[in-house]
Amino acid sequence: MLSEDIVKVIFIELTSRFNTGNQSLMVCAFRFVIQRFAAHLLN
């Protein structure tokens, strides 16, 4: 499935955008994305 590739792309985007910014914001955003994808894949 393409979901794993999408997660990787989003993670790369988040790390590149927030690498010089707020690390906690990146972590929260990444956790939110993972939870959304996990819920989508399990349901």
Protein backbone atom coordinates (compact mmCIF):
# COMPACT_ATOMS: atom_id res chain seq x y z
CA MET A 1 0.00 0.00 0.00
CA LEU A 2 1.00 3.59 -0.59
CA SER A 3 0.14 4.64 2.97
CA GLU A 4 3.62 3.87 4.29
CA ASP A 5 5.24 5.94 1.53
CA ILE A 6 2.84 8.80 2.28
CA VAL A 7 3.77 8.67 5.96
CA LYS A 8 7.46 8.77 5.04
CA VAL A 9 6.94 11.77 2.76
CA ILE A 10 4.94 13.61 5.42
CA PHE A 11 7.58 12.83 8.04
CA ILE A 12 10.34 14.14 5.75
CA GLU A 13 8.31 17.29 5.09
CA LEU A 14 7.72 17.84 8.80
CA THR A 15 11.36 17.28 9.71
CA SER A 16 12.56 19.61 6.95
CA ARG A 17 10.05 22.33 7.83
CA PHE A 18 10.41 22.20 11.61
CA ASN A 19 14.04 21.13 11.82
CA THR A 20 15.09 24.69 12.64
CA GLY A 21 11.82 25.47 14.39
CA ASN A 22 9.88 24.00 17.27
CA GLN A 23 10.85 20.37 17.82
CA SER A 24 7.87 19.71 20.08
CA LEU A 25 5.54 20.96 17.34
CA MET A 26 7.09 18.50 14.88
CA VAL A 27 6.67 15.64 17.35
CA CYS A 28 3.03 16.52 18.00
CA ALA A 29 2.29 16.83 14.29
CA PHE A 30 4.02 13.52 13.52
CA ARG A 31 2.16 11.72 16.30
CA PHE A 32 -1.13 13.17 15.02
CA VAL A 33 -0.38 11.97 11.49
CA ILE A 34 0.57 8.49 12.70
CA GLN A 35 -2.60 8.22 14.79
CA ARG A 36 -4.74 9.30 11.83
CA PHE A 37 -3.11 6.79 9.47
CA ALA A 38 -3.26 4.00 12.07
CA ALA A 39 -6.97 4.61 12.64
CA HIS A 40 -7.58 4.73 8.89
CA LEU A 41 -5.69 1.48 8.24
CA LEU A 42 -7.30 -0.40 11.14
CA ASN A 43 -10.85 0.72 10.26
